[in-house]
Structure formats: structure tokens, C-alpha cells
Amino acid sequence: MTRRGYPSDVDDDTYLFLLPYLLLSRTDARQRRYPIRDVLNALLWMARAGAQWAYLPNDFPPAETVRQQAHRWFEAECFQNAAHDLRLLSRVEKARSGEPTAIIIDSRTLQSTPESGHRAGFDGAKKRKGTKVHLAVDTLGHLLAVLTTPANEQDRAQVFDLCLEVQEATGVAVEVAFADQGYTGEQTALQATEAGVELVVVKRPEASKGFILLPRRWVVERSFAWLSRFRRLGRDLERLPSTLVGFHFLATCVLLCNKLKPLFA
């Protein structure tokens, strides 16, 4: 397909790195009507622009083709696997050990839409109906695990599952998790311990007002800010929670590939 490029298109080095993770069938398979690179570029355009599938520009493969292939990639955790290896490269490039021993966890609430409203909840603190996205990142801000729940679910109730996902992703290397005061409680700490992680709650100084840069906690907030540059992640636009998780790891791959471009050359 001949067309002018979009800013979201992958460059040659990034495409060659990601390609092995995306080959769920042979490149010459009869059902493959469009090049993988064109489908990937269309998916990246969706992630950046945040548009509806039907509004995908006509110089990409058909929207339904892109959507179906994206779901296959998400279900097979292709971008999770790529993000894992990219994280290892980034940590080694920063002279860190391959797997982290400390993480930071937090959540944010995404406004619901008609597509995601059937699984939304009301977040009383944020006064918003939507989906909570629970993130675990290492001390460099690299994404390790993502969970989604209705917004009315408590953060502390997700600690055990989030820590288990982190341990699976890192080979049971994590020892400490830093969190905000929303994760306070003996039961929460006990659940983290059951997953092999010590939960450390970083509290605000007493009688403090306004913005305060707290140790460790700012790292996950920066990761949320990085991900928010992808408009598809500005609201919960997905019918399936697995699709929302998949877009988070897709965005992570893009961010890490851009960061590691000198190593690909």
C-alpha cells in the first residue's frame, strides 16, 4: 500500500525489532491479505489519535481487519512480551540489573464511554464513573503489570493480584513495593507479603498542603503522564478490559523503542 507517512508510523529499526513478536502465523499465510507493517501502523495511529475504528483513514487496511488483528495480538500478549525484553535492554543500558527488586504501584480512573459503560463503576473520590487502571512500574518507570477494575473497587483490594503479576513478569525478583496512603492497612500489607513483597506506604508530611514531591511515588505518576500522550488511553474506549491492557503495553513498547533507538542502529 503506497501512502504518505504519519507521525505515528514505526521506523525500520523499530519494526524489525517488533516483528518477531507479532508473527502469529507465517508471513506467506493465505489469510494474510495486508502487510503486518501496514496493520501495525494503523494500530499505532489508533493509539495516538484515539479515534473510533470506523474513522481509520482509508489509506490503511480496513478498520475491521486492523481491529481483529489487534485483538489477536492483545490476547497472545505480544506487546507484553516485547515490553518485557525492551525493559531488560533499558535497565541494562542504565547499568541496572535485568530484573527490578523494587516497584511503585498506583491507580488512575478513566472516564467511561458507551462502549465501556457496562463494566464501569463510580469513583467517589474522583466523582467520576469509569474504570480504574492499576499500574506497577519499576524505579525507572518501566511498566511491569496492568490491572483494570470498575472504578468503585478499592486500590488496596488489588495489591495481591498486582504483585502476583509483577512476580510472574520478573521471575519473583521483586522484594519491595512503594505505594500511597490509599494502600494503608494490615490486611493489604499481609496480602502483599503473601505474594513475596513488602509493602511500604509513603505518606505525606503532617499538616502539609498543596503539591509535594514524595520519594518514589512520583515515578509512577510520571509513567501515567507518559502513557497519557496516547489519546486512546485518555478514556476507557474499549468493550473488553483486555483491549485496554493491550493498548497500555503497546504504548509502552513505542515509548521504550523511541528511548532505545541508538541501540537499534
Protein backbone atom coordinates (compact mmCIF):
# COMPACT_ATOMS: atom_id res chain seq x y z
CA MET A 1 0.00 0.00 0.00
CA THR A 2 1.53 3.30 -1.14
CA ARG A 3 0.72 6.31 1.04
CA ARG A 4 2.26 9.26 2.79
CA GLY A 5 3.61 8.51 6.23
CA TYR A 6 2.02 9.52 9.54
CA PRO A 7 3.99 10.67 12.61
CA SER A 8 2.83 7.50 14.40
CA ASP A 9 4.38 5.13 11.83
CA VAL A 10 7.17 2.83 13.00
CA ASP A 11 10.65 3.31 11.59
CA ASP A 12 12.61 0.42 10.09
CA ASP A 13 14.61 -0.42 13.21
CA THR A 14 11.58 -0.46 15.49
CA TYR A 15 9.59 -2.56 13.04
CA LEU A 16 12.37 -5.14 12.70
CA PHE A 17 12.58 -5.40 16.49
CA LEU A 18 8.84 -5.85 16.99
CA LEU A 19 8.20 -8.13 14.02
CA PRO A 20 9.20 -11.45 15.67
CA TYR A 21 6.72 -10.80 18.49
CA LEU A 22 3.85 -10.20 16.06
CA LEU A 23 4.19 -13.25 13.81
CA LEU A 24 1.28 -15.39 14.95
CA SER A 25 1.21 -17.05 11.52
CA ARG A 26 3.60 -17.36 8.60
CA THR A 27 4.21 -14.25 6.53
CA ASP A 28 3.00 -16.15 3.46
CA ALA A 29 -0.18 -17.47 5.11
CA ARG A 30 -3.14 -17.39 2.73
CA GLN A 31 -5.33 -15.36 5.10
CA ARG A 32 -2.73 -12.57 5.32
CA ARG A 33 -4.01 -10.02 2.81
CA TYR A 34 -2.18 -6.96 4.17
CA PRO A 35 1.44 -6.46 5.26
CA ILE A 36 2.00 -6.64 9.01
CA ARG A 37 3.70 -3.26 8.95
CA ASP A 38 0.62 -1.58 7.49
CA VAL A 39 -1.62 -3.17 10.13
CA LEU A 40 0.80 -2.18 12.90
CA ASN A 41 0.98 1.40 11.65
CA ALA A 42 -2.81 1.56 11.58
CA LEU A 43 -2.96 0.32 15.18
CA LEU A 44 -0.36 2.87 16.24
CA TRP A 45 -2.38 5.61 14.56
CA MET A 46 -5.42 4.49 16.58
CA ALA A 47 -3.39 4.52 19.80
CA ARG A 48 -2.09 8.03 19.16
CA ALA A 49 -5.24 9.60 17.71
CA GLY A 50 -7.83 7.89 19.93
CA ALA A 51 -10.40 7.82 17.13
CA GLN A 52 -13.21 5.35 16.55
CA TRP A 53 -12.32 2.31 14.45
CA ALA A 54 -14.68 3.40 11.67
CA TYR A 55 -12.71 6.65 11.30
CA LEU A 56 -9.42 4.93 10.45
CA PRO A 57 -8.05 6.69 7.33
CA ASN A 58 -8.71 4.92 4.06
CA ASP A 59 -5.03 4.57 3.17
CA PHE A 60 -4.68 1.99 5.97
CA PRO A 61 -6.00 -1.59 5.76
CA PRO A 62 -9.74 -1.91 6.54
CA ALA A 63 -10.67 -0.99 10.10
CA GLU A 64 -12.22 -4.39 10.85
CA THR A 65 -9.03 -6.14 9.69
CA VAL A 66 -6.91 -3.94 11.95
CA ARG A 67 -9.26 -4.38 14.91
CA GLN A 68 -9.36 -8.18 14.61
CA GLN A 69 -5.58 -8.43 14.27
CA ALA A 70 -5.11 -6.10 17.23
CA HIS A 71 -7.29 -8.33 19.40
CA ARG A 72 -5.28 -11.38 18.34
CA TRP A 73 -2.06 -9.61 19.30
CA PHE A 74 -3.53 -8.47 22.62
CA GLU A 75 -4.87 -11.91 23.51
CA ALA A 76 -1.50 -13.50 22.68
CA GLU A 77 0.26 -10.87 24.88
CA CYS A 78 2.60 -9.98 22.02
CA PHE A 79 3.21 -6.45 23.25
CA GLN A 80 3.65 -7.63 26.86
CA ASN A 81 6.47 -9.91 25.70
CA ALA A 82 8.08 -7.15 23.64
CA ALA A 83 7.79 -4.67 26.53
CA HIS A 84 9.45 -7.20 28.85
CA ASP A 85 12.51 -7.54 26.62
CA LEU A 86 12.67 -3.80 25.96
CA ARG A 87 12.59 -3.20 29.70
CA LEU A 88 15.54 -5.56 30.18
CA LEU A 89 17.51 -3.72 27.49
CA SER A 90 16.70 -0.35 29.02
CA ARG A 91 17.71 -1.42 32.51
CA VAL A 92 20.99 -2.93 31.32
CA GLU A 93 21.68 0.21 29.29
CA LYS A 94 21.23 2.17 32.55
CA ALA A 95 23.69 -0.18 34.30
CA ARG A 96 20.90 -1.76 36.36
CA SER A 97 20.23 -5.44 36.95
CA GLY A 98 17.88 -7.01 34.44
CA GLU A 99 15.01 -7.53 36.88
CA PRO A 100 13.95 -4.94 39.46
CA THR A 101 13.75 -5.61 43.19
CA ALA A 102 11.54 -2.58 43.95
CA ILE A 103 8.33 -1.34 42.31
CA ILE A 104 5.86 1.52 42.69
CA ILE A 105 2.11 0.93 42.41
CA ASP A 106 -0.78 3.33 41.93
CA SER A 107 -4.04 3.74 40.01
CA ARG A 108 -5.96 6.29 37.98
CA THR A 109 -9.60 6.41 36.90
CA LEU A 110 -10.51 6.65 33.23
CA GLN A 111 -13.87 8.15 32.31
CA SER A 112 -16.26 5.56 30.91
CA THR A 113 -17.83 5.73 27.45
CA PRO A 114 -20.85 3.97 25.92
CA GLU A 115 -18.51 1.15 24.86
CA SER A 116 -17.14 0.53 28.37
CA GLY A 117 -20.13 1.66 30.46
CA HIS A 118 -21.36 -1.88 31.12
CA ARG A 119 -18.32 -2.59 33.32
CA ALA A 120 -17.81 0.88 34.83
CA GLY A 121 -18.10 1.86 38.47
CA PHE A 122 -18.36 5.19 40.31
CA ASP A 123 -15.20 6.56 41.90
CA GLY A 124 -16.43 8.58 44.89
CA ALA A 125 -13.08 10.32 45.38
CA LYS A 126 -12.75 11.47 41.77
CA LYS A 127 -16.53 11.95 41.27
CA ARG A 128 -16.27 10.01 38.05
CA LYS A 129 -17.82 6.89 36.56
CA GLY A 130 -15.34 4.71 34.78
CA THR A 131 -12.56 2.15 35.01
CA LYS A 132 -9.59 2.09 37.36
CA VAL A 133 -6.26 1.23 35.80
CA HIS A 134 -3.80 -0.17 38.35
CA LEU A 135 -0.14 0.11 37.36
CA ALA A 136 3.08 -1.37 38.69
CA VAL A 137 6.34 0.13 37.44
CA ASP A 138 9.98 -0.29 38.38
CA THR A 139 12.04 2.57 39.82
CA LEU A 140 12.88 3.77 36.30
CA GLY A 141 9.20 3.98 35.36
CA HIS A 142 9.09 0.88 33.15
CA LEU A 143 5.69 -0.80 33.06
CA LEU A 144 5.56 -4.23 34.68
CA ALA A 145 1.87 -5.04 35.17
CA VAL A 146 -1.57 -3.58 34.47
CA LEU A 147 -4.91 -4.47 36.07
CA THR A 148 -8.31 -2.97 35.33
CA THR A 149 -11.32 -2.88 37.67
CA PRO A 150 -14.55 -0.89 37.97
CA ALA A 151 -13.75 2.50 39.49
CA ASN A 152 -15.64 1.72 42.71
CA GLU A 153 -13.13 -1.02 43.61
CA GLN A 154 -10.63 -0.14 46.35
CA ASP A 155 -6.95 0.18 45.41
CA ARG A 156 -5.86 -1.94 48.34
CA ALA A 157 -8.01 -4.85 47.18
CA GLN A 158 -5.87 -5.23 44.03
CA VAL A 159 -2.48 -5.45 45.75
CA PHE A 160 -2.29 -9.24 45.84
CA ASP A 161 -3.19 -9.76 42.17
CA LEU A 162 -0.96 -6.88 41.05
CA CYS A 163 2.02 -8.22 43.00
CA LEU A 164 1.47 -11.71 41.61
CA GLU A 165 1.53 -10.36 38.05
CA VAL A 166 4.71 -8.45 38.82
CA GLN A 167 6.38 -11.53 40.28
CA GLU A 168 5.41 -13.54 37.22
CA ALA A 169 6.83 -10.86 34.93
CA THR A 170 10.11 -10.54 36.84
CA GLY A 171 10.73 -14.14 37.88
CA VAL A 172 9.90 -13.47 41.56
CA ALA A 173 12.61 -10.82 41.84
CA VAL A 174 10.61 -8.02 43.46
CA GLU A 175 11.02 -7.52 47.21
CA VAL A 176 9.54 -4.07 47.94
CA ALA A 177 6.52 -2.14 46.65
CA PHE A 178 6.06 1.58 47.35
CA ALA A 179 2.52 2.98 47.42
CA ASP A 180 0.48 5.96 48.59
CA GLN A 181 -1.82 6.16 51.60
CA GLY A 182 -4.67 4.55 49.69
CA TYR A 183 -2.92 1.23 50.28
CA THR A 184 -2.73 1.55 54.06
CA GLY A 185 -3.93 -1.37 56.17
CA GLU A 186 -2.70 -4.53 57.85
CA GLN A 187 -4.70 -6.77 55.54
CA THR A 188 -3.21 -5.07 52.48
CA ALA A 189 0.32 -5.48 53.82
CA LEU A 190 -0.40 -9.13 54.59
CA GLN A 191 -1.66 -9.77 51.06
CA ALA A 192 1.49 -8.21 49.62
CA THR A 193 3.59 -10.41 51.90
CA GLU A 194 1.76 -13.49 50.63
CA ALA A 195 2.98 -12.51 47.16
CA GLY A 196 6.54 -12.17 48.48
CA VAL A 197 6.56 -8.36 48.54
CA GLU A 198 7.00 -5.89 51.41
CA LEU A 199 4.52 -3.04 51.06
CA VAL A 200 5.92 0.38 52.04
CA VAL A 201 3.39 3.23 52.26
CA VAL A 202 4.95 6.63 51.52
CA LYS A 203 2.92 9.20 53.47
CA ARG A 204 2.61 12.94 53.10
CA PRO A 205 4.13 15.05 55.90
CA GLU A 206 1.58 16.00 58.55
CA ALA A 207 -0.23 19.33 58.07
CA SER A 208 1.18 19.67 54.54
CA LYS A 209 -0.79 21.49 51.86
CA GLY A 210 -0.60 21.62 48.08
CA PHE A 211 1.75 19.68 45.84
CA ILE A 212 4.65 17.86 47.47
CA LEU A 213 7.15 15.71 45.58
CA LEU A 214 7.17 12.50 47.58
CA PRO A 215 10.01 9.96 47.35
CA ARG A 216 9.39 7.06 44.94
CA ARG A 217 5.72 7.86 44.35
CA TRP A 218 6.42 10.44 41.65
CA VAL A 219 7.86 7.74 39.37
CA VAL A 220 4.54 6.03 38.70
CA GLU A 221 2.85 9.42 38.23
CA ARG A 222 5.41 10.18 35.53
CA SER A 223 4.60 6.84 33.87
CA PHE A 224 0.90 7.77 33.82
CA ALA A 225 1.87 11.08 32.20
CA TRP A 226 3.91 9.29 29.53
CA LEU A 227 1.02 6.97 28.73
CA SER A 228 -1.47 9.83 28.59
CA ARG A 229 0.26 11.10 25.44
CA PHE A 230 -1.60 8.29 23.68
CA ARG A 231 -5.14 9.62 23.29
CA ARG A 232 -6.58 6.10 23.17
CA LEU A 233 -5.68 5.90 26.87
CA GLY A 234 -7.31 9.20 27.81
CA ARG A 235 -10.67 7.46 28.37
CA ASP A 236 -11.86 3.88 28.55
CA LEU A 237 -12.97 3.41 24.96
CA GLU A 238 -12.85 -0.39 24.94
CA ARG A 239 -15.56 -3.01 25.22
CA LEU A 240 -13.06 -5.54 26.60
CA PRO A 241 -10.68 -4.87 29.51
CA SER A 242 -8.02 -6.97 27.76
CA THR A 243 -8.01 -4.44 24.92
CA LEU A 244 -7.40 -1.59 27.37
CA VAL A 245 -4.49 -3.52 28.90
CA GLY A 246 -3.15 -4.29 25.43
CA PHE A 247 -3.10 -0.63 24.43
CA HIS A 248 -1.12 0.19 27.58
CA PHE A 249 1.59 -2.29 26.64
CA LEU A 250 1.53 -1.15 23.01
CA ALA A 251 2.16 2.42 24.20
CA THR A 252 4.94 1.14 26.46
CA CYS A 253 6.63 -0.56 23.51
CA VAL A 254 6.52 2.66 21.49
CA LEU A 255 7.99 4.70 24.35
CA LEU A 256 10.78 2.22 25.02
CA CYS A 257 11.63 1.78 21.33
CA ASN A 258 11.96 5.55 20.97
CA LYS A 259 14.16 5.62 24.03
CA LEU A 260 16.39 2.78 22.82
CA LYS A 261 16.75 3.83 19.16
CA PRO A 262 20.53 4.37 19.49
CA LEU A 263 20.89 0.69 20.43
CA PHE A 264 18.92 -0.47 17.38
CA ALA A 265 21.09 1.40 14.90
